[in-house]
Amino acid sequence: MRHTLAVLVENKYGVLSRVSGMFSRRGYNIDSLTVGVTDDPTISRMTIVVMGDDEVLEQVTKQLNKLIDVIRVTDLKSEESVERELALIKVNSDVTNRSEIMQIADIFRARIIDVASKSMIIEVTGDDGKITAIEQLLKPFGIKEMVRTGKVALRRGQKSS
């Protein structure tokens, strides 16, 4: 089972290393990790995706809470949160197939952010399924490069994570 954790930490050097080191020492794999400063410049937010059952989730949460720089750990259940990823996809294109690629991008509400004589770069945001779907449709044209951010997520409604 895939779990998404929102982890508020003090915005200091070495915190990311200590958090990732805890996962490494315990033998847990991080599927996705994003980190950014919050509206308070002294606090950063990590969104960590980890695979495992409820027991693994409980252990990870307990171990994170033991770290001195961790302020709060929240399990973001998918039905109670909004989750997004960003992908940049460089795809082979020329005058013969450019309009078809642009139509695919339009269907997915993606943006063309760069056009060269033999390639295009497409920016798409959405959940894992949306990004995988556009990737599959663009593969026949030849994907030259692709990069995906990790997942970012916020709890729905009035509560904050």
N, C-alpha and C. Protein backbone atom coordinates (compact mmCIF):
# COMPACT_ATOMS: atom_id res chain seq x y z
N MET A 1 0.83 -1.17 0.00
CA MET A 1 0.00 0.00 0.00
C MET A 1 0.89 1.24 0.00
N ARG A 2 0.47 2.24 -0.74
CA ARG A 2 1.24 3.48 -0.87
C ARG A 2 0.72 4.53 0.11
N HIS A 3 1.63 5.12 0.88
CA HIS A 3 1.27 6.13 1.87
C HIS A 3 1.97 7.45 1.53
N THR A 4 1.24 8.56 1.66
CA THR A 4 1.80 9.89 1.45
C THR A 4 1.86 10.59 2.80
N LEU A 5 3.06 11.01 3.17
CA LEU A 5 3.26 11.69 4.45
C LEU A 5 3.63 13.15 4.22
N ALA A 6 2.98 14.03 4.96
CA ALA A 6 3.36 15.44 5.00
C ALA A 6 4.17 15.63 6.27
N VAL A 7 5.41 16.06 6.12
CA VAL A 7 6.31 16.19 7.25
C VAL A 7 6.79 17.63 7.33
N LEU A 8 6.42 18.32 8.40
CA LEU A 8 6.91 19.67 8.64
C LEU A 8 8.19 19.57 9.45
N VAL A 9 9.24 20.25 8.96
CA VAL A 9 10.55 20.20 9.61
C VAL A 9 11.11 21.61 9.73
N GLU A 10 12.08 21.76 10.62
CA GLU A 10 12.79 23.03 10.72
C GLU A 10 13.63 23.21 9.46
N ASN A 11 13.62 24.41 8.92
CA ASN A 11 14.34 24.70 7.68
C ASN A 11 15.81 24.98 8.00
N LYS A 12 16.56 23.89 8.24
CA LYS A 12 17.97 24.00 8.59
C LYS A 12 18.76 23.00 7.75
N TYR A 13 20.05 23.29 7.60
CA TYR A 13 20.90 22.37 6.85
C TYR A 13 20.98 21.02 7.58
N GLY A 14 21.08 19.95 6.81
CA GLY A 14 21.24 18.62 7.37
C GLY A 14 19.95 17.88 7.68
N VAL A 15 18.81 18.58 7.67
CA VAL A 15 17.54 17.93 8.02
C VAL A 15 17.17 16.88 6.98
N LEU A 16 17.28 17.22 5.71
CA LEU A 16 16.96 16.26 4.65
C LEU A 16 17.84 15.02 4.77
N SER A 17 19.10 15.22 5.06
CA SER A 17 20.03 14.11 5.22
C SER A 17 19.62 13.21 6.38
N ARG A 18 19.23 13.81 7.49
CA ARG A 18 18.82 13.01 8.66
C ARG A 18 17.53 12.23 8.37
N VAL A 19 16.59 12.86 7.69
CA VAL A 19 15.33 12.17 7.37
C VAL A 19 15.58 11.02 6.40
N SER A 20 16.31 11.29 5.31
CA SER A 20 16.57 10.22 4.35
C SER A 20 17.45 9.13 4.96
N GLY A 21 18.36 9.52 5.83
CA GLY A 21 19.20 8.54 6.52
C GLY A 21 18.39 7.62 7.42
N MET A 22 17.35 8.15 8.05
CA MET A 22 16.48 7.32 8.89
C MET A 22 15.81 6.25 8.04
N PHE A 23 15.34 6.62 6.86
CA PHE A 23 14.71 5.64 5.97
C PHE A 23 15.73 4.57 5.57
N SER A 24 16.92 5.01 5.22
CA SER A 24 17.98 4.09 4.79
C SER A 24 18.36 3.12 5.90
N ARG A 25 18.57 3.64 7.10
CA ARG A 25 18.96 2.78 8.24
C ARG A 25 17.90 1.74 8.56
N ARG A 26 16.64 2.10 8.41
CA ARG A 26 15.54 1.19 8.74
C ARG A 26 15.17 0.26 7.58
N GLY A 27 15.77 0.49 6.40
CA GLY A 27 15.51 -0.38 5.26
C GLY A 27 14.21 -0.06 4.53
N TYR A 28 13.72 1.17 4.66
CA TYR A 28 12.51 1.58 3.95
C TYR A 28 12.90 2.34 2.69
N ASN A 29 12.17 2.11 1.62
CA ASN A 29 12.45 2.82 0.38
C ASN A 29 11.51 4.01 0.24
N ILE A 30 12.06 5.13 -0.19
CA ILE A 30 11.25 6.31 -0.47
C ILE A 30 10.88 6.27 -1.95
N ASP A 31 9.58 6.20 -2.25
CA ASP A 31 9.13 6.20 -3.64
C ASP A 31 9.20 7.60 -4.24
N SER A 32 8.91 8.60 -3.45
CA SER A 32 8.90 9.98 -3.93
C SER A 32 9.20 10.90 -2.75
N LEU A 33 9.95 11.96 -3.03
CA LEU A 33 10.30 12.91 -1.99
C LEU A 33 10.37 14.30 -2.61
N THR A 34 9.59 15.22 -2.09
CA THR A 34 9.68 16.63 -2.48
C THR A 34 9.83 17.46 -1.23
N VAL A 35 10.61 18.52 -1.34
CA VAL A 35 10.87 19.38 -0.20
C VAL A 35 10.81 20.83 -0.66
N GLY A 36 10.18 21.66 0.13
CA GLY A 36 10.14 23.09 -0.17
C GLY A 36 9.82 23.87 1.08
N VAL A 37 10.23 25.14 1.06
CA VAL A 37 9.95 26.02 2.19
C VAL A 37 8.46 26.35 2.21
N THR A 38 7.92 26.56 3.38
CA THR A 38 6.50 26.90 3.53
C THR A 38 6.35 28.43 3.54
N ASP A 39 5.15 28.90 3.89
CA ASP A 39 4.93 30.34 4.01
C ASP A 39 5.75 30.93 5.16
N ASP A 40 6.18 30.07 6.08
CA ASP A 40 7.07 30.47 7.17
C ASP A 40 8.49 30.05 6.76
N PRO A 41 9.40 31.00 6.53
CA PRO A 41 10.73 30.63 6.04
C PRO A 41 11.57 29.79 6.99
N THR A 42 11.12 29.60 8.23
CA THR A 42 11.86 28.77 9.17
C THR A 42 11.40 27.31 9.13
N ILE A 43 10.36 27.03 8.33
CA ILE A 43 9.78 25.68 8.26
C ILE A 43 9.75 25.20 6.81
N SER A 44 10.18 23.97 6.60
CA SER A 44 10.07 23.32 5.29
C SER A 44 9.05 22.20 5.38
N ARG A 45 8.50 21.85 4.23
CA ARG A 45 7.53 20.76 4.17
C ARG A 45 8.07 19.69 3.24
N MET A 46 8.10 18.48 3.74
CA MET A 46 8.48 17.33 2.93
C MET A 46 7.23 16.53 2.63
N THR A 47 7.09 16.14 1.39
CA THR A 47 6.04 15.20 1.02
C THR A 47 6.76 13.92 0.64
N ILE A 48 6.53 12.88 1.43
CA ILE A 48 7.24 11.62 1.26
C ILE A 48 6.22 10.53 0.94
N VAL A 49 6.49 9.78 -0.13
CA VAL A 49 5.65 8.64 -0.49
C VAL A 49 6.45 7.38 -0.20
N VAL A 50 5.84 6.50 0.59
CA VAL A 50 6.49 5.26 0.99
C VAL A 50 5.53 4.10 0.80
N MET A 51 6.06 2.95 0.40
CA MET A 51 5.26 1.74 0.24
C MET A 51 5.33 0.92 1.51
N GLY A 52 4.21 0.30 1.87
CA GLY A 52 4.19 -0.57 3.03
C GLY A 52 2.81 -0.68 3.63
N ASP A 53 2.66 -1.62 4.52
CA ASP A 53 1.37 -1.81 5.18
C ASP A 53 1.24 -0.82 6.34
N ASP A 54 0.17 -0.94 7.10
CA ASP A 54 -0.07 -0.01 8.21
C ASP A 54 1.03 -0.09 9.27
N GLU A 55 1.61 -1.26 9.44
CA GLU A 55 2.70 -1.42 10.42
C GLU A 55 3.93 -0.63 10.00
N VAL A 56 4.25 -0.67 8.70
CA VAL A 56 5.38 0.11 8.18
C VAL A 56 5.10 1.60 8.38
N LEU A 57 3.87 2.02 8.06
CA LEU A 57 3.49 3.43 8.23
C LEU A 57 3.66 3.86 9.68
N GLU A 58 3.22 3.03 10.61
CA GLU A 58 3.33 3.36 12.03
C GLU A 58 4.80 3.48 12.44
N GLN A 59 5.64 2.56 11.99
CA GLN A 59 7.06 2.60 12.33
C GLN A 59 7.74 3.84 11.77
N VAL A 60 7.45 4.14 10.48
CA VAL A 60 8.04 5.31 9.83
C VAL A 60 7.63 6.58 10.58
N THR A 61 6.35 6.68 10.91
CA THR A 61 5.85 7.85 11.63
C THR A 61 6.52 8.00 12.99
N LYS A 62 6.65 6.90 13.73
CA LYS A 62 7.31 6.95 15.04
C LYS A 62 8.77 7.38 14.91
N GLN A 63 9.47 6.82 13.93
CA GLN A 63 10.88 7.15 13.75
C GLN A 63 11.06 8.60 13.32
N LEU A 64 10.18 9.09 12.44
CA LEU A 64 10.26 10.49 12.03
C LEU A 64 10.02 11.42 13.23
N ASN A 65 9.04 11.09 14.04
CA ASN A 65 8.73 11.93 15.20
C ASN A 65 9.85 11.97 16.23
N LYS A 66 10.75 10.98 16.22
CA LYS A 66 11.89 10.97 17.13
C LYS A 66 12.98 11.95 16.71
N LEU A 67 12.99 12.32 15.41
CA LEU A 67 14.02 13.24 14.93
C LEU A 67 13.76 14.64 15.49
N ILE A 68 14.78 15.27 15.98
CA ILE A 68 14.65 16.55 16.68
C ILE A 68 14.10 17.67 15.79
N ASP A 69 14.43 17.65 14.50
CA ASP A 69 14.03 18.74 13.61
C ASP A 69 12.62 18.56 13.05
N VAL A 70 11.98 17.42 13.32
CA VAL A 70 10.63 17.17 12.81
C VAL A 70 9.61 17.82 13.73
N ILE A 71 8.75 18.62 13.13
CA ILE A 71 7.71 19.33 13.88
C ILE A 71 6.41 18.52 13.91
N ARG A 72 6.00 18.00 12.75
CA ARG A 72 4.75 17.24 12.69
C ARG A 72 4.77 16.30 11.50
N VAL A 73 4.17 15.11 11.67
CA VAL A 73 4.04 14.12 10.61
C VAL A 73 2.55 13.82 10.44
N THR A 74 2.06 13.92 9.20
CA THR A 74 0.65 13.66 8.91
C THR A 74 0.54 12.67 7.77
N ASP A 75 -0.28 11.64 7.93
CA ASP A 75 -0.58 10.69 6.86
C ASP A 75 -1.70 11.29 6.02
N LEU A 76 -1.42 11.58 4.76
CA LEU A 76 -2.43 12.15 3.87
C LEU A 76 -3.10 11.03 3.09
N LYS A 77 -4.30 10.69 3.48
CA LYS A 77 -5.05 9.66 2.77
C LYS A 77 -5.54 10.25 1.46
N SER A 78 -5.49 9.46 0.38
CA SER A 78 -5.78 10.00 -0.96
C SER A 78 -7.18 10.57 -1.08
N GLU A 79 -8.16 9.98 -0.39
CA GLU A 79 -9.54 10.49 -0.49
C GLU A 79 -9.73 11.79 0.29
N GLU A 80 -8.78 12.12 1.16
CA GLU A 80 -8.87 13.33 1.97
C GLU A 80 -7.89 14.41 1.54
N SER A 81 -7.21 14.20 0.40
CA SER A 81 -6.19 15.17 -0.01
C SER A 81 -6.19 15.37 -1.52
N VAL A 82 -5.52 16.43 -1.93
CA VAL A 82 -5.31 16.71 -3.34
C VAL A 82 -3.83 16.45 -3.62
N GLU A 83 -3.56 15.64 -4.64
CA GLU A 83 -2.19 15.25 -4.96
C GLU A 83 -1.88 15.61 -6.41
N ARG A 84 -0.68 16.10 -6.66
CA ARG A 84 -0.26 16.44 -8.01
C ARG A 84 1.22 16.14 -8.20
N GLU A 85 1.58 15.91 -9.47
CA GLU A 85 2.96 15.81 -9.90
C GLU A 85 3.13 16.71 -11.12
N LEU A 86 4.35 17.04 -11.42
CA LEU A 86 4.69 17.79 -12.62
C LEU A 86 5.64 16.94 -13.44
N ALA A 87 5.44 16.92 -14.76
CA ALA A 87 6.36 16.22 -15.65
C ALA A 87 6.72 17.13 -16.81
N LEU A 88 7.98 17.08 -17.21
CA LEU A 88 8.45 17.71 -18.44
C LEU A 88 8.84 16.59 -19.38
N ILE A 89 8.28 16.61 -20.59
CA ILE A 89 8.52 15.54 -21.56
C ILE A 89 9.05 16.15 -22.85
N LYS A 90 10.27 15.77 -23.24
CA LYS A 90 10.81 16.20 -24.53
C LYS A 90 10.54 15.09 -25.53
N VAL A 91 9.79 15.42 -26.57
CA VAL A 91 9.37 14.42 -27.54
C VAL A 91 9.85 14.82 -28.93
N ASN A 92 10.22 13.82 -29.73
CA ASN A 92 10.62 14.07 -31.12
C ASN A 92 9.42 14.65 -31.87
N SER A 93 9.66 15.69 -32.65
CA SER A 93 8.58 16.24 -33.47
C SER A 93 9.17 16.93 -34.68
N ASP A 94 8.37 16.98 -35.72
CA ASP A 94 8.71 17.74 -36.92
C ASP A 94 7.41 18.27 -37.51
N VAL A 95 7.47 18.88 -38.66
CA VAL A 95 6.27 19.50 -39.22
C VAL A 95 5.17 18.48 -39.53
N THR A 96 5.53 17.22 -39.73
CA THR A 96 4.52 16.21 -40.07
C THR A 96 3.69 15.75 -38.88
N ASN A 97 4.25 15.80 -37.67
CA ASN A 97 3.51 15.27 -36.52
C ASN A 97 3.28 16.30 -35.41
N ARG A 98 3.76 17.51 -35.60
CA ARG A 98 3.66 18.53 -34.54
C ARG A 98 2.22 18.81 -34.13
N SER A 99 1.30 18.92 -35.08
CA SER A 99 -0.10 19.24 -34.73
C SER A 99 -0.74 18.09 -33.96
N GLU A 100 -0.39 16.86 -34.28
CA GLU A 100 -0.93 15.71 -33.54
C GLU A 100 -0.44 15.72 -32.09
N ILE A 101 0.82 16.04 -31.90
CA ILE A 101 1.36 16.12 -30.54
C ILE A 101 0.68 17.26 -29.78
N MET A 102 0.45 18.38 -30.44
CA MET A 102 -0.22 19.51 -29.81
C MET A 102 -1.66 19.15 -29.42
N GLN A 103 -2.33 18.34 -30.21
CA GLN A 103 -3.69 17.89 -29.87
C GLN A 103 -3.67 17.02 -28.63
N ILE A 104 -2.70 16.11 -28.55
CA ILE A 104 -2.59 15.26 -27.36
C ILE A 104 -2.35 16.13 -26.13
N ALA A 105 -1.45 17.09 -26.24
CA ALA A 105 -1.17 17.99 -25.12
C ALA A 105 -2.43 18.75 -24.72
N ASP A 106 -3.19 19.20 -25.70
CA ASP A 106 -4.42 19.95 -25.42
C ASP A 106 -5.45 19.09 -24.68
N ILE A 107 -5.59 17.85 -25.08
CA ILE A 107 -6.53 16.93 -24.42
C ILE A 107 -6.20 16.78 -22.94
N PHE A 108 -4.91 16.76 -22.62
CA PHE A 108 -4.46 16.59 -21.24
C PHE A 108 -4.26 17.91 -20.51
N ARG A 109 -4.67 19.00 -21.14
CA ARG A 109 -4.48 20.35 -20.59
C ARG A 109 -3.01 20.60 -20.23
N ALA A 110 -2.14 20.06 -21.06
CA ALA A 110 -0.70 20.26 -20.90
C ALA A 110 -0.29 21.49 -21.70
N ARG A 111 0.91 21.98 -21.44
CA ARG A 111 1.41 23.16 -22.14
C ARG A 111 2.65 22.82 -22.93
N ILE A 112 2.74 23.38 -24.12
CA ILE A 112 3.97 23.29 -24.90
C ILE A 112 4.84 24.44 -24.42
N ILE A 113 6.00 24.13 -23.85
CA ILE A 113 6.83 25.19 -23.28
C ILE A 113 8.09 25.46 -24.09
N ASP A 114 8.38 24.59 -25.07
CA ASP A 114 9.52 24.83 -25.94
C ASP A 114 9.31 24.07 -27.25
N VAL A 115 9.64 24.72 -28.35
CA VAL A 115 9.56 24.09 -29.66
C VAL A 115 10.88 24.32 -30.38
N ALA A 116 11.47 23.24 -30.86
CA ALA A 116 12.68 23.31 -31.68
C ALA A 116 12.38 22.61 -33.01
N SER A 117 13.31 22.62 -33.90
CA SER A 117 13.04 22.05 -35.23
C SER A 117 12.75 20.55 -35.18
N LYS A 118 13.32 19.84 -34.21
CA LYS A 118 13.12 18.39 -34.16
C LYS A 118 12.58 17.88 -32.83
N SER A 119 12.12 18.79 -31.97
CA SER A 119 11.59 18.34 -30.68
C SER A 119 10.66 19.40 -30.09
N MET A 120 9.89 18.96 -29.10
CA MET A 120 9.02 19.84 -28.32
C MET A 120 9.15 19.42 -26.86
N ILE A 121 8.98 20.38 -25.95
CA ILE A 121 8.93 20.05 -24.53
C ILE A 121 7.52 20.37 -24.05
N ILE A 122 6.92 19.38 -23.40
CA ILE A 122 5.55 19.48 -22.90
C ILE A 122 5.59 19.47 -21.39
N GLU A 123 4.83 20.36 -20.77
CA GLU A 123 4.69 20.42 -19.31
C GLU A 123 3.29 19.93 -18.96
N VAL A 124 3.21 18.94 -18.10
CA VAL A 124 1.90 18.41 -17.69
C VAL A 124 1.88 18.25 -16.18
N THR A 125 0.76 18.62 -15.57
CA THR A 125 0.56 18.41 -14.15
C THR A 125 -0.68 17.55 -13.95
N GLY A 126 -0.66 16.76 -12.89
CA GLY A 126 -1.81 15.92 -12.60
C GLY A 126 -1.42 14.79 -11.68
N ASP A 127 -2.32 13.85 -11.54
CA ASP A 127 -2.01 12.68 -10.72
C ASP A 127 -1.16 11.70 -11.52
N ASP A 128 -0.74 10.65 -10.86
CA ASP A 128 0.13 9.65 -11.47
C ASP A 128 -0.49 9.07 -12.74
N GLY A 129 -1.79 8.80 -12.70
CA GLY A 129 -2.47 8.20 -13.85
C GLY A 129 -2.46 9.10 -15.07
N LYS A 130 -2.69 10.38 -14.87
CA LYS A 130 -2.71 11.32 -15.99
C LYS A 130 -1.33 11.42 -16.65
N ILE A 131 -0.29 11.51 -15.83
CA ILE A 131 1.05 11.64 -16.38
C ILE A 131 1.47 10.36 -17.10
N THR A 132 1.12 9.21 -16.55
CA THR A 132 1.43 7.95 -17.21
C THR A 132 0.67 7.83 -18.53
N ALA A 133 -0.58 8.28 -18.56
CA ALA A 133 -1.40 8.20 -19.78
C ALA A 133 -0.81 9.06 -20.91
N ILE A 134 -0.43 10.29 -20.62
CA ILE A 134 0.14 11.13 -21.69
C ILE A 134 1.50 10.58 -22.14
N GLU A 135 2.24 10.04 -21.19
CA GLU A 135 3.53 9.43 -21.55
C GLU A 135 3.32 8.29 -22.54
N GLN A 136 2.33 7.46 -22.29
CA GLN A 136 2.05 6.33 -23.19
C GLN A 136 1.63 6.80 -24.58
N LEU A 137 0.85 7.87 -24.65
CA LEU A 137 0.42 8.39 -25.94
C LEU A 137 1.56 9.06 -26.71
N LEU A 138 2.54 9.59 -26.00
CA LEU A 138 3.66 10.26 -26.66
C LEU A 138 4.80 9.30 -27.04
N LYS A 139 4.82 8.13 -26.45
CA LYS A 139 5.90 7.17 -26.72
C LYS A 139 6.09 6.85 -28.21
N PRO A 140 5.01 6.66 -28.98
CA PRO A 140 5.21 6.35 -30.40
C PRO A 140 5.96 7.43 -31.18
N PHE A 141 5.94 8.67 -30.71
CA PHE A 141 6.66 9.75 -31.37
C PHE A 141 8.14 9.74 -31.01
N GLY A 142 8.46 9.09 -29.91
CA GLY A 142 9.83 9.02 -29.42
C GLY A 142 10.09 10.05 -28.34
N ILE A 143 10.11 9.58 -27.11
CA ILE A 143 10.41 10.46 -25.99
C ILE A 143 11.93 10.52 -25.86
N LYS A 144 12.47 11.72 -25.99
CA LYS A 144 13.92 11.91 -25.89
C LYS A 144 14.38 11.99 -24.45
N GLU A 145 13.60 12.71 -23.63
CA GLU A 145 13.90 12.87 -22.21
C GLU A 145 12.59 13.07 -21.47
N MET A 146 12.60 12.68 -20.21
CA MET A 146 11.44 12.93 -19.37
C MET A 146 11.90 13.06 -17.92
N VAL A 147 11.30 14.01 -17.21
CA VAL A 147 11.59 14.17 -15.79
C VAL A 147 10.26 14.41 -15.07
N ARG A 148 10.14 13.80 -13.91
CA ARG A 148 8.94 13.97 -13.08
C ARG A 148 9.35 14.45 -11.71
N THR A 149 8.55 15.36 -11.17
CA THR A 149 8.77 15.76 -9.79
C THR A 149 8.20 14.66 -8.91
N GLY A 150 8.46 14.74 -7.66
CA GLY A 150 7.76 13.88 -6.72
C GLY A 150 6.36 14.42 -6.50
N LYS A 151 5.59 13.67 -5.81
CA LYS A 151 4.22 14.07 -5.51
C LYS A 151 4.21 15.20 -4.48
N VAL A 152 3.32 16.16 -4.67
CA VAL A 152 3.02 17.16 -3.65
C VAL A 152 1.55 16.98 -3.30
N ALA A 153 1.20 17.22 -2.05
CA ALA A 153 -0.17 16.96 -1.61
C ALA A 153 -0.54 17.91 -0.48
N LEU A 154 -1.83 18.25 -0.44
CA LEU A 154 -2.40 19.02 0.66
C LEU A 154 -3.72 18.37 1.07
N ARG A 155 -4.00 18.46 2.36
CA ARG A 155 -5.26 17.94 2.89
C ARG A 155 -6.40 18.85 2.42
N ARG A 156 -7.52 18.23 2.05
CA ARG A 156 -8.70 19.00 1.64
C ARG A 156 -9.35 19.67 2.84
N GLY A 157 -10.12 20.71 2.59
CA GLY A 157 -10.94 21.34 3.64
C GLY A 157 -10.16 22.27 4.53
N GLN A 158 -10.70 22.50 5.71
CA GLN A 158 -10.17 23.50 6.64
C GLN A 158 -8.92 23.04 7.40
N LYS A 159 -8.80 21.73 7.65
CA LYS A 159 -7.64 21.24 8.39
C LYS A 159 -6.38 21.41 7.57
N SER A 160 -5.29 21.70 8.26
CA SER A 160 -3.99 21.74 7.57
C SER A 160 -3.19 20.52 7.99
N SER A 161 -2.19 20.22 7.18
CA SER A 161 -1.39 19.03 7.49
C SER A 161 -0.11 19.47 8.03
